[in-house]
Amino acid sequence: MPFSAPAPISRSLRPRLAGWLAAVCGLGMVWGAVPAAAQGKLEAQYEASLSGIPVGKGGWNIDIQDDVFSAAAAGGTTGLLKSFTGGSGTGASQGRVVNGALVATGYQASTTTQKKTEEIRITLDKGNVKDFAISPEPPVDPDRIVVTDAHRRGVWDPMTASLLRVPGNGDPVTPEACHNSAPVFDGRMRYDLKLDFKRMETVKAEKGYRGPVVVCSLYFVPVAGYIPDRPVIKYLAAQRNIEIAFAPVAGTRILVPFWLKVPTPLGPAMLEATSFITTAQPPRVAKTQ
């Protein structure tokens, strides 16, 4: 969701690491063309904290049907952080379910701070970016690595990239779920998100889900659209201690982030579900004459 991310995460990275939900912050991963199964819904609430101090809240709703899907998130800063860097944001993606696979067709995000509002729109066709826009248009920076047309082919938007699909017929919450990577384009940057299995845990939301999660190490690999000398880029790219825990959406083979932990110089930043209510939906039955 679009939480305003705590330092040292820059505004441009919000819909990616917190833009999962902001998408995470839009810090939002469809991994591989693996079919989704059946239908399900998720209604979740998240809290962001820095060194244990609450700094943001947000919500995330996902609806997977037999032929279409949608995901939408919204959030903002709270408490003391709101007094200094008040911000809020929304993010959404939608698309079709083709032969059981999620195929995004559109992504929209809006981030508002005390100084300005920025809106991003992306149109996709089978993983290729057909059109995108940022308003207001950002200034040209000669030090920024150019995003080419090739960089915008075979990619996921940040929101859909928060949905981890697991192949097979057994329990999807397994170590194998972490054996994945995703190319992402967020309208400004092209980057890769890579996972490695870390451990299994059991979680208990204040409301809703209680059960196992698979914890993965998360690696951020910038590809284009960034300024190499920016400290935040160097910091995130060098991190080997970012962790993300995935929980299942009932009735599907989709896993979504339950919590995300990112080390920062000011202490650990964390995004964690406080409410995680997920329900399976029965397949729609075709009407007969």
C-alpha atoms as a PDB file:
ATOM      1  CA  MET A   1       0.000   0.000   0.000  1.00  0.00           C
ATOM      2  CA  PRO A   2       1.226   3.410  -0.307  1.00  0.00           C
ATOM      3  CA  PHE A   3       2.613   4.042   3.108  1.00  0.00           C
ATOM      4  CA  SER A   4       5.076   6.883   3.386  1.00  0.00           C
ATOM      5  CA  ALA A   5       8.195   4.845   4.000  1.00  0.00           C
ATOM      6  CA  PRO A   6      10.505   5.684   6.870  1.00  0.00           C
ATOM      7  CA  ALA A   7      14.035   6.827   6.090  1.00  0.00           C
ATOM      8  CA  PRO A   8      16.183   5.816   4.388  1.00  0.00           C
ATOM      9  CA  ILE A   9      13.585   4.712   1.831  1.00  0.00           C
ATOM     10  CA  SER A  10      12.999   7.445  -0.713  1.00  0.00           C
ATOM     11  CA  ARG A  11       9.627   8.580  -2.035  1.00  0.00           C
ATOM     12  CA  SER A  12      10.288   6.887  -5.363  1.00  0.00           C
ATOM     13  CA  LEU A  13      10.631   3.529  -3.590  1.00  0.00           C
ATOM     14  CA  ARG A  14       7.472   3.784  -1.522  1.00  0.00           C
ATOM     15  CA  PRO A  15       5.192   1.895  -3.832  1.00  0.00           C
ATOM     16  CA  ARG A  16       7.670  -0.926  -3.977  1.00  0.00           C
ATOM     17  CA  LEU A  17       8.699  -1.714  -0.471  1.00  0.00           C
ATOM     18  CA  ALA A  18       5.791  -0.493   1.469  1.00  0.00           C
ATOM     19  CA  GLY A  19       3.759   0.081  -2.325  1.00  0.00           C
ATOM     20  CA  TRP A  20       3.111  -3.759  -1.743  1.00  0.00           C
ATOM     21  CA  LEU A  21       0.456  -2.441   0.045  1.00  0.00           C
ATOM     22  CA  ALA A  22       0.522   0.634  -1.649  1.00  0.00           C
ATOM     23  CA  ALA A  23       1.218  -0.617  -3.948  1.00  0.00           C
ATOM     24  CA  VAL A  24       4.178  -1.718   0.194  1.00  0.00           C
ATOM     25  CA  CYS A  25       4.684   2.044   0.290  1.00  0.00           C
ATOM     26  CA  GLY A  26       4.264   0.828  -2.690  1.00  0.00           C
ATOM     27  CA  LEU A  27       8.549  -1.168  -1.070  1.00  0.00           C
ATOM     28  CA  GLY A  28       4.543  -4.564  -3.630  1.00  0.00           C
ATOM     29  CA  MET A  29       5.667 -10.159  -6.778  1.00  0.00           C
ATOM     30  CA  VAL A  30       4.096 -12.235  -9.431  1.00  0.00           C
ATOM     31  CA  TRP A  31       6.731 -14.891  -9.955  1.00  0.00           C
ATOM     32  CA  GLY A  32       6.530 -17.054 -13.046  1.00  0.00           C
ATOM     33  CA  ALA A  33       3.573 -17.856 -15.283  1.00  0.00           C
ATOM     34  CA  VAL A  34       1.963 -20.313 -12.909  1.00  0.00           C
ATOM     35  CA  PRO A  35      -1.829 -20.665 -12.930  1.00  0.00           C
ATOM     36  CA  ALA A  36      -3.872 -19.438 -10.000  1.00  0.00           C
ATOM     37  CA  ALA A  37      -6.454 -21.855  -8.634  1.00  0.00           C
ATOM     38  CA  ALA A  38     -10.121 -21.228  -7.823  1.00  0.00           C
ATOM     39  CA  GLN A  39     -11.247 -17.907  -6.372  1.00  0.00           C
ATOM     40  CA  GLY A  40     -10.596 -16.038  -3.148  1.00  0.00           C
ATOM     41  CA  LYS A  41     -10.709 -12.690  -1.352  1.00  0.00           C
ATOM     42  CA  LEU A  42      -8.422 -10.886   1.088  1.00  0.00           C
ATOM     43  CA  GLU A  43      -9.290  -7.945   3.324  1.00  0.00           C
ATOM     44  CA  ALA A  44      -6.245  -6.889   5.341  1.00  0.00           C
ATOM     45  CA  GLN A  45      -5.063  -4.026   7.531  1.00  0.00           C
ATOM     46  CA  TYR A  46      -1.367  -3.252   8.076  1.00  0.00           C
ATOM     47  CA  GLU A  47       0.675  -1.147  10.464  1.00  0.00           C
ATOM     48  CA  ALA A  48       4.099   0.325   9.671  1.00  0.00           C
ATOM     49  CA  SER A  49       6.624   0.928  12.444  1.00  0.00           C
ATOM     50  CA  LEU A  50      10.180   2.205  12.851  1.00  0.00           C
ATOM     51  CA  SER A  51      12.163   0.868  15.818  1.00  0.00           C
ATOM     52  CA  GLY A  52       8.865  -0.314  17.276  1.00  0.00           C
ATOM     53  CA  ILE A  53       7.172   3.107  16.983  1.00  0.00           C
ATOM     54  CA  PRO A  54       4.001   3.149  14.800  1.00  0.00           C
ATOM     55  CA  VAL A  55       4.441   5.480  11.825  1.00  0.00           C
ATOM     56  CA  GLY A  56       1.751   4.414   9.343  1.00  0.00           C
ATOM     57  CA  LYS A  57      -1.411   2.404   8.668  1.00  0.00           C
ATOM     58  CA  GLY A  58      -3.055   1.049   5.559  1.00  0.00           C
ATOM     59  CA  GLY A  59      -5.428  -1.483   4.046  1.00  0.00           C
ATOM     60  CA  TRP A  60      -5.232  -3.963   1.183  1.00  0.00           C
ATOM     61  CA  ASN A  61      -8.125  -5.681  -0.628  1.00  0.00           C
ATOM     62  CA  ILE A  62      -7.628  -8.446  -3.203  1.00  0.00           C
ATOM     63  CA  ASP A  63     -10.407 -10.111  -5.209  1.00  0.00           C
ATOM     64  CA  ILE A  64      -9.577 -13.082  -7.465  1.00  0.00           C
ATOM     65  CA  GLN A  65     -12.453 -14.390  -9.582  1.00  0.00           C
ATOM     66  CA  ASP A  66     -12.552 -17.002 -12.303  1.00  0.00           C
ATOM     67  CA  ASP A  67     -11.928 -14.531 -15.154  1.00  0.00           C
ATOM     68  CA  VAL A  68     -10.809 -11.225 -13.581  1.00  0.00           C
ATOM     69  CA  PHE A  69      -8.828 -10.009 -10.571  1.00  0.00           C
ATOM     70  CA  SER A  70      -8.279  -6.728  -8.764  1.00  0.00           C
ATOM     71  CA  ALA A  71      -6.101  -5.443  -5.929  1.00  0.00           C
ATOM     72  CA  ALA A  72      -6.319  -2.077  -4.208  1.00  0.00           C
ATOM     73  CA  ALA A  73      -4.490  -0.506  -1.274  1.00  0.00           C
ATOM     74  CA  ALA A  74      -4.417   2.768   0.622  1.00  0.00           C
ATOM     75  CA  GLY A  75      -2.461   4.103   3.574  1.00  0.00           C
ATOM     76  CA  GLY A  76      -0.733   7.008   5.222  1.00  0.00           C
ATOM     77  CA  THR A  77       1.600   8.194   7.958  1.00  0.00           C
ATOM     78  CA  THR A  78       0.427   8.428  11.555  1.00  0.00           C
ATOM     79  CA  GLY A  79       1.610   9.743  14.914  1.00  0.00           C
ATOM     80  CA  LEU A  80       4.779  11.815  15.213  1.00  0.00           C
ATOM     81  CA  LEU A  81       5.935  11.014  11.678  1.00  0.00           C
ATOM     82  CA  LYS A  82       2.776  12.611  10.290  1.00  0.00           C
ATOM     83  CA  SER A  83       3.762  15.909  11.920  1.00  0.00           C
ATOM     84  CA  PHE A  84       7.060  15.992  10.034  1.00  0.00           C
ATOM     85  CA  THR A  85       6.446  14.157   6.754  1.00  0.00           C
ATOM     86  CA  GLY A  86       2.691  13.739   6.501  1.00  0.00           C
ATOM     87  CA  GLY A  87       1.785  11.654   3.494  1.00  0.00           C
ATOM     88  CA  SER A  88      -0.771   9.251   2.061  1.00  0.00           C
ATOM     89  CA  GLY A  89      -1.194   7.164  -1.022  1.00  0.00           C
ATOM     90  CA  THR A  90      -3.266   4.695  -2.975  1.00  0.00           C
ATOM     91  CA  GLY A  91      -2.408   1.961  -5.421  1.00  0.00           C
ATOM     92  CA  ALA A  92      -4.405  -0.455  -7.554  1.00  0.00           C
ATOM     93  CA  SER A  93      -3.997  -3.044 -10.265  1.00  0.00           C
ATOM     94  CA  GLN A  94      -6.500  -5.051 -12.268  1.00  0.00           C
ATOM     95  CA  GLY A  95      -6.480  -7.612 -15.016  1.00  0.00           C
ATOM     96  CA  ARG A  96      -7.758 -10.857 -16.429  1.00  0.00           C
ATOM     97  CA  VAL A  97      -7.386 -14.454 -15.353  1.00  0.00           C
ATOM     98  CA  VAL A  98      -6.360 -16.333 -18.505  1.00  0.00           C
ATOM     99  CA  ASN A  99      -6.098 -20.110 -18.283  1.00  0.00           C
ATOM    100  CA  GLY A 100      -5.751 -19.659 -14.532  1.00  0.00           C
ATOM    101  CA  ALA A 101      -2.888 -17.123 -14.762  1.00  0.00           C
ATOM    102  CA  LEU A 102      -3.086 -13.530 -13.514  1.00  0.00           C
ATOM    103  CA  VAL A 103      -2.479 -11.109 -16.416  1.00  0.00           C
ATOM    104  CA  ALA A 104      -2.397  -7.463 -15.351  1.00  0.00           C
ATOM    105  CA  THR A 105      -3.820  -4.858 -17.715  1.00  0.00           C
ATOM    106  CA  GLY A 106      -3.490  -1.708 -15.632  1.00  0.00           C
ATOM    107  CA  TYR A 107      -1.846  -0.116 -12.597  1.00  0.00           C
ATOM    108  CA  GLN A 108      -2.483   3.236 -10.946  1.00  0.00           C
ATOM    109  CA  ALA A 109      -0.820   4.891  -7.939  1.00  0.00           C
ATOM    110  CA  SER A 110      -1.100   8.257  -6.244  1.00  0.00           C
ATOM    111  CA  THR A 111       1.164   9.646  -3.513  1.00  0.00           C
ATOM    112  CA  THR A 112       0.487  12.872  -1.617  1.00  0.00           C
ATOM    113  CA  THR A 113       2.975  14.638   0.664  1.00  0.00           C
ATOM    114  CA  GLN A 114       3.003  18.064   2.267  1.00  0.00           C
ATOM    115  CA  LYS A 115       4.658  19.427  -0.881  1.00  0.00           C
ATOM    116  CA  LYS A 116       2.934  17.732  -3.820  1.00  0.00           C
ATOM    117  CA  THR A 117       0.786  14.960  -5.257  1.00  0.00           C
ATOM    118  CA  GLU A 118       2.205  12.522  -7.810  1.00  0.00           C
ATOM    119  CA  GLU A 119       0.153  10.148  -9.961  1.00  0.00           C
ATOM    120  CA  ILE A 120       1.427   7.177 -11.951  1.00  0.00           C
ATOM    121  CA  ARG A 121      -0.489   5.203 -14.560  1.00  0.00           C
ATOM    122  CA  ILE A 122       0.676   2.084 -16.444  1.00  0.00           C
ATOM    123  CA  THR A 123      -1.151   0.108 -19.150  1.00  0.00           C
ATOM    124  CA  LEU A 124       0.086  -3.420 -19.847  1.00  0.00           C
ATOM    125  CA  ASP A 125      -0.540  -6.098 -22.455  1.00  0.00           C
ATOM    126  CA  LYS A 126       0.699  -9.617 -21.684  1.00  0.00           C
ATOM    127  CA  GLY A 127       3.526  -8.319 -19.523  1.00  0.00           C
ATOM    128  CA  ASN A 128       4.592  -5.550 -21.890  1.00  0.00           C
ATOM    129  CA  VAL A 129       4.118  -1.859 -21.062  1.00  0.00           C
ATOM    130  CA  LYS A 130       1.945  -0.278 -23.751  1.00  0.00           C
ATOM    131  CA  ASP A 131       1.662   3.147 -22.143  1.00  0.00           C
ATOM    132  CA  PHE A 132       2.680   4.921 -18.917  1.00  0.00           C
ATOM    133  CA  ALA A 133       2.659   8.405 -17.466  1.00  0.00           C
ATOM    134  CA  ILE A 134       3.784  10.290 -14.340  1.00  0.00           C
ATOM    135  CA  SER A 135       2.016  13.510 -13.403  1.00  0.00           C
ATOM    136  CA  PRO A 136       3.519  15.978 -12.855  1.00  0.00           C
ATOM    137  CA  GLU A 137       6.256  14.853 -15.221  1.00  0.00           C
ATOM    138  CA  PRO A 138       9.546  14.560 -13.309  1.00  0.00           C
ATOM    139  CA  PRO A 139      12.508  16.703 -14.394  1.00  0.00           C
ATOM    140  CA  VAL A 140      15.148  15.113 -16.607  1.00  0.00           C
ATOM    141  CA  ASP A 141      18.305  14.133 -14.708  1.00  0.00           C
ATOM    142  CA  PRO A 142      21.359  13.359 -16.887  1.00  0.00           C
ATOM    143  CA  ASP A 143      22.733  11.049 -14.173  1.00  0.00           C
ATOM    144  CA  ARG A 144      19.670   8.780 -14.247  1.00  0.00           C
ATOM    145  CA  ILE A 145      20.103   5.476 -16.112  1.00  0.00           C
ATOM    146  CA  VAL A 146      17.684   5.552 -19.040  1.00  0.00           C
ATOM    147  CA  VAL A 147      14.782   3.075 -19.111  1.00  0.00           C
ATOM    148  CA  THR A 148      14.596   1.677 -22.652  1.00  0.00           C
ATOM    149  CA  ASP A 149      11.712  -0.007 -24.460  1.00  0.00           C
ATOM    150  CA  ALA A 150      13.425  -3.346 -23.828  1.00  0.00           C
ATOM    151  CA  HIS A 151      13.312  -2.675 -20.080  1.00  0.00           C
ATOM    152  CA  ARG A 152       9.525  -2.348 -20.299  1.00  0.00           C
ATOM    153  CA  ARG A 153       8.934  -5.760 -21.839  1.00  0.00           C
ATOM    154  CA  GLY A 154       8.246  -8.887 -19.793  1.00  0.00           C
ATOM    155  CA  VAL A 155       7.605  -7.008 -16.525  1.00  0.00           C
ATOM    156  CA  TRP A 156       5.124  -6.810 -13.666  1.00  0.00           C
ATOM    157  CA  ASP A 157       3.600  -3.730 -12.095  1.00  0.00           C
ATOM    158  CA  PRO A 158       4.430  -3.223  -8.377  1.00  0.00           C
ATOM    159  CA  MET A 159       0.995  -4.255  -7.115  1.00  0.00           C
ATOM    160  CA  THR A 160       0.580  -7.445  -9.111  1.00  0.00           C
ATOM    161  CA  ALA A 161       4.195  -8.186  -8.294  1.00  0.00           C
ATOM    162  CA  SER A 162       3.084  -8.511  -4.665  1.00  0.00           C
ATOM    163  CA  LEU A 163       1.080 -11.637  -5.494  1.00  0.00           C
ATOM    164  CA  LEU A 164       3.255 -14.735  -5.242  1.00  0.00           C
ATOM    165  CA  ARG A 165       1.838 -17.674  -7.182  1.00  0.00           C
ATOM    166  CA  VAL A 166       2.914 -21.180  -6.261  1.00  0.00           C
ATOM    167  CA  PRO A 167       2.660 -24.190  -8.629  1.00  0.00           C
ATOM    168  CA  GLY A 168       1.439 -27.666  -7.734  1.00  0.00           C
ATOM    169  CA  ASN A 169      -1.519 -29.123  -5.896  1.00  0.00           C
ATOM    170  CA  GLY A 170      -0.280 -29.357  -2.307  1.00  0.00           C
ATOM    171  CA  ASP A 171       0.115 -26.760   0.426  1.00  0.00           C
ATOM    172  CA  PRO A 172       1.468 -23.571  -1.234  1.00  0.00           C
ATOM    173  CA  VAL A 173       3.120 -22.351   2.000  1.00  0.00           C
ATOM    174  CA  THR A 174       6.411 -24.195   1.497  1.00  0.00           C
ATOM    175  CA  PRO A 175      10.122 -23.335   1.089  1.00  0.00           C
ATOM    176  CA  GLU A 176       9.754 -23.788  -2.680  1.00  0.00           C
ATOM    177  CA  ALA A 177       7.627 -20.630  -2.787  1.00  0.00           C
ATOM    178  CA  CYS A 178      10.778 -18.556  -2.230  1.00  0.00           C
ATOM    179  CA  HIS A 179      12.590 -19.940  -5.279  1.00  0.00           C
ATOM    180  CA  ASN A 180      11.541 -17.013  -7.448  1.00  0.00           C
ATOM    181  CA  SER A 181      12.375 -13.601  -8.872  1.00  0.00           C
ATOM    182  CA  ALA A 182      10.342 -10.856 -10.559  1.00  0.00           C
ATOM    183  CA  PRO A 183      11.158  -8.044 -13.028  1.00  0.00           C
ATOM    184  CA  VAL A 184       9.203  -4.916 -12.006  1.00  0.00           C
ATOM    185  CA  PHE A 185       8.477  -1.568 -13.686  1.00  0.00           C
ATOM    186  CA  ASP A 186       6.783   1.064 -11.515  1.00  0.00           C
ATOM    187  CA  GLY A 187       6.519   3.905 -14.043  1.00  0.00           C
ATOM    188  CA  ARG A 188       9.885   5.343 -13.044  1.00  0.00           C
ATOM    189  CA  MET A 189      12.282   2.515 -12.251  1.00  0.00           C
ATOM    190  CA  ARG A 190      12.955  -0.932 -13.641  1.00  0.00           C
ATOM    191  CA  TYR A 191      14.274  -3.319 -10.963  1.00  0.00           C
ATOM    192  CA  ASP A 192      14.365  -6.986 -10.025  1.00  0.00           C
ATOM    193  CA  LEU A 193      13.099  -8.498  -6.774  1.00  0.00           C
ATOM    194  CA  LYS A 194      14.697 -11.807  -5.865  1.00  0.00           C
ATOM    195  CA  LEU A 195      13.749 -14.279  -3.137  1.00  0.00           C
ATOM    196  CA  ASP A 196      15.587 -16.996  -1.224  1.00  0.00           C
ATOM    197  CA  PHE A 197      14.105 -19.298   1.400  1.00  0.00           C
ATOM    198  CA  LYS A 198      14.925 -18.302   4.980  1.00  0.00           C
ATOM    199  CA  ARG A 199      12.637 -20.250   7.343  1.00  0.00           C
ATOM    200  CA  MET A 200       9.088 -21.262   8.226  1.00  0.00           C
ATOM    201  CA  GLU A 201       7.149 -19.457  10.981  1.00  0.00           C
ATOM    202  CA  THR A 202       3.690 -19.367  12.527  1.00  0.00           C
ATOM    203  CA  VAL A 203       1.856 -16.031  12.779  1.00  0.00           C
ATOM    204  CA  LYS A 204      -1.288 -14.807  14.503  1.00  0.00           C
ATOM    205  CA  ALA A 205      -3.012 -11.659  13.301  1.00  0.00           C
ATOM    206  CA  GLU A 206      -5.066  -9.688  15.813  1.00  0.00           C
ATOM    207  CA  LYS A 207      -8.008 -10.533  13.582  1.00  0.00           C
ATOM    208  CA  GLY A 208      -8.233 -13.262  10.984  1.00  0.00           C
ATOM    209  CA  TYR A 209      -5.374 -15.504   9.856  1.00  0.00           C
ATOM    210  CA  ARG A 210      -3.518 -17.777  12.229  1.00  0.00           C
ATOM    211  CA  GLY A 211      -1.128 -20.252  10.704  1.00  0.00           C
ATOM    212  CA  PRO A 212       2.124 -20.829   8.852  1.00  0.00           C
ATOM    213  CA  VAL A 213       4.018 -18.336   6.726  1.00  0.00           C
ATOM    214  CA  VAL A 214       7.078 -18.855   4.594  1.00  0.00           C
ATOM    215  CA  VAL A 215       9.825 -16.321   5.291  1.00  0.00           C
ATOM    216  CA  CYS A 216      12.036 -15.329   2.354  1.00  0.00           C
ATOM    217  CA  SER A 217      15.104 -13.142   2.056  1.00  0.00           C
ATOM    218  CA  LEU A 218      14.342 -10.296  -0.346  1.00  0.00           C
ATOM    219  CA  TYR A 219      16.968  -8.711  -2.588  1.00  0.00           C
ATOM    220  CA  PHE A 220      16.498  -5.451  -4.493  1.00  0.00           C
ATOM    221  CA  VAL A 221      18.441  -5.229  -7.777  1.00  0.00           C
ATOM    222  CA  PRO A 222      18.174  -1.866  -9.617  1.00  0.00           C
ATOM    223  CA  VAL A 223      18.286  -2.132 -13.405  1.00  0.00           C
ATOM    224  CA  ALA A 224      17.352   1.262 -14.904  1.00  0.00           C
ATOM    225  CA  GLY A 225      15.598   4.517 -14.116  1.00  0.00           C
ATOM    226  CA  TYR A 226      17.703   5.284 -11.047  1.00  0.00           C
ATOM    227  CA  ILE A 227      20.678   7.496 -10.181  1.00  0.00           C
ATOM    228  CA  PRO A 228      23.597   5.205  -9.233  1.00  0.00           C
ATOM    229  CA  ASP A 229      25.117   7.600  -6.686  1.00  0.00           C
ATOM    230  CA  ARG A 230      21.909   7.963  -4.661  1.00  0.00           C
ATOM    231  CA  PRO A 231      22.619   6.691  -1.112  1.00  0.00           C
ATOM    232  CA  VAL A 232      19.212   5.012  -0.784  1.00  0.00           C
ATOM    233  CA  ILE A 233      19.797   2.957  -3.941  1.00  0.00           C
ATOM    234  CA  LYS A 234      23.225   1.863  -2.765  1.00  0.00           C
ATOM    235  CA  TYR A 235      21.826   1.034   0.672  1.00  0.00           C
ATOM    236  CA  LEU A 236      18.930  -1.114  -0.524  1.00  0.00           C
ATOM    237  CA  ALA A 237      20.972  -2.865  -3.214  1.00  0.00           C
ATOM    238  CA  ALA A 238      23.591  -3.814  -0.620  1.00  0.00           C
ATOM    239  CA  GLN A 239      21.077  -5.135   1.934  1.00  0.00           C
ATOM    240  CA  ARG A 240      21.130  -8.869   2.641  1.00  0.00           C
ATOM    241  CA  ASN A 241      18.870  -8.751   5.702  1.00  0.00           C
ATOM    242  CA  ILE A 242      15.509  -7.711   4.220  1.00  0.00           C
ATOM    243  CA  GLU A 243      12.897 -10.350   5.033  1.00  0.00           C
ATOM    244  CA  ILE A 244       9.331 -10.891   3.845  1.00  0.00           C
ATOM    245  CA  ALA A 245       6.765 -13.402   5.131  1.00  0.00           C
ATOM    246  CA  PHE A 246       4.044 -14.735   2.816  1.00  0.00           C
ATOM    247  CA  ALA A 247       0.615 -16.023   3.879  1.00  0.00           C
ATOM    248  CA  PRO A 248      -2.024 -17.705   1.667  1.00  0.00           C
ATOM    249  CA  VAL A 249      -5.243 -16.343   0.154  1.00  0.00           C
ATOM    250  CA  ALA A 250      -7.872 -19.004   0.827  1.00  0.00           C
ATOM    251  CA  GLY A 251      -9.243 -20.789  -2.244  1.00  0.00           C
ATOM    252  CA  THR A 252      -6.205 -19.913  -4.397  1.00  0.00           C
ATOM    253  CA  ARG A 253      -2.533 -20.726  -4.805  1.00  0.00           C
ATOM    254  CA  ILE A 254      -1.670 -17.068  -4.195  1.00  0.00           C
ATOM    255  CA  LEU A 255       0.570 -15.934  -1.322  1.00  0.00           C
ATOM    256  CA  VAL A 256       0.716 -12.285  -0.237  1.00  0.00           C
ATOM    257  CA  PRO A 257       2.993 -10.419   2.200  1.00  0.00           C
ATOM    258  CA  PHE A 258       1.986 -10.770   5.862  1.00  0.00           C
ATOM    259  CA  TRP A 259       4.980  -8.775   7.100  1.00  0.00           C
ATOM    260  CA  LEU A 260       8.059  -7.067   5.683  1.00  0.00           C
ATOM    261  CA  LYS A 261      11.211  -6.171   7.667  1.00  0.00           C
ATOM    262  CA  VAL A 262      13.816  -3.702   6.350  1.00  0.00           C
ATOM    263  CA  PRO A 263      16.936  -2.684   8.338  1.00  0.00           C
ATOM    264  CA  THR A 264      17.582   1.086   8.429  1.00  0.00           C
ATOM    265  CA  PRO A 265      20.204   3.268  10.164  1.00  0.00           C
ATOM    266  CA  LEU A 266      17.409   4.392  12.524  1.00  0.00           C
ATOM    267  CA  GLY A 267      16.413   0.838  13.448  1.00  0.00           C
ATOM    268  CA  PRO A 268      14.235  -1.852  11.857  1.00  0.00           C
ATOM    269  CA  ALA A 269      11.349  -0.695   9.672  1.00  0.00           C
ATOM    270  CA  MET A 270       8.444  -3.145   9.642  1.00  0.00           C
ATOM    271  CA  LEU A 271       5.155  -3.481   7.798  1.00  0.00           C
ATOM    272  CA  GLU A 272       2.886  -6.095   9.435  1.00  0.00           C
ATOM    273  CA  ALA A 273      -0.705  -7.252   9.078  1.00  0.00           C
ATOM    274  CA  THR A 274      -2.891  -6.584  12.104  1.00  0.00           C
ATOM    275  CA  SER A 275      -6.000  -7.960  10.383  1.00  0.00           C
ATOM    276  CA  PHE A 276      -5.778 -10.612   7.643  1.00  0.00           C
ATOM    277  CA  ILE A 277      -9.219 -11.944   6.674  1.00  0.00           C
ATOM    278  CA  THR A 278      -9.213 -14.255   3.683  1.00  0.00           C
ATOM    279  CA  THR A 279     -12.093 -16.326   2.305  1.00  0.00           C
ATOM    280  CA  ALA A 280     -12.495 -18.802  -0.522  1.00  0.00           C
ATOM    281  CA  GLN A 281     -15.172 -18.127  -3.108  1.00  0.00           C
ATOM    282  CA  PRO A 282     -16.999 -20.911  -4.952  1.00  0.00           C
ATOM    283  CA  PRO A 283     -16.636 -20.924  -8.750  1.00  0.00           C
ATOM    284  CA  ARG A 284     -19.442 -19.182 -10.582  1.00  0.00           C
ATOM    285  CA  VAL A 285     -21.903 -21.538 -12.228  1.00  0.00           C
ATOM    286  CA  ALA A 286     -22.903 -20.763 -15.799  1.00  0.00           C
ATOM    287  CA  LYS A 287     -26.576 -19.928 -16.185  1.00  0.00           C
ATOM    288  CA  THR A 288     -28.677 -22.337 -18.194  1.00  0.00           C
ATOM    289  CA  GLN A 289     -31.714 -21.496 -20.282  1.00  0.00           C
END
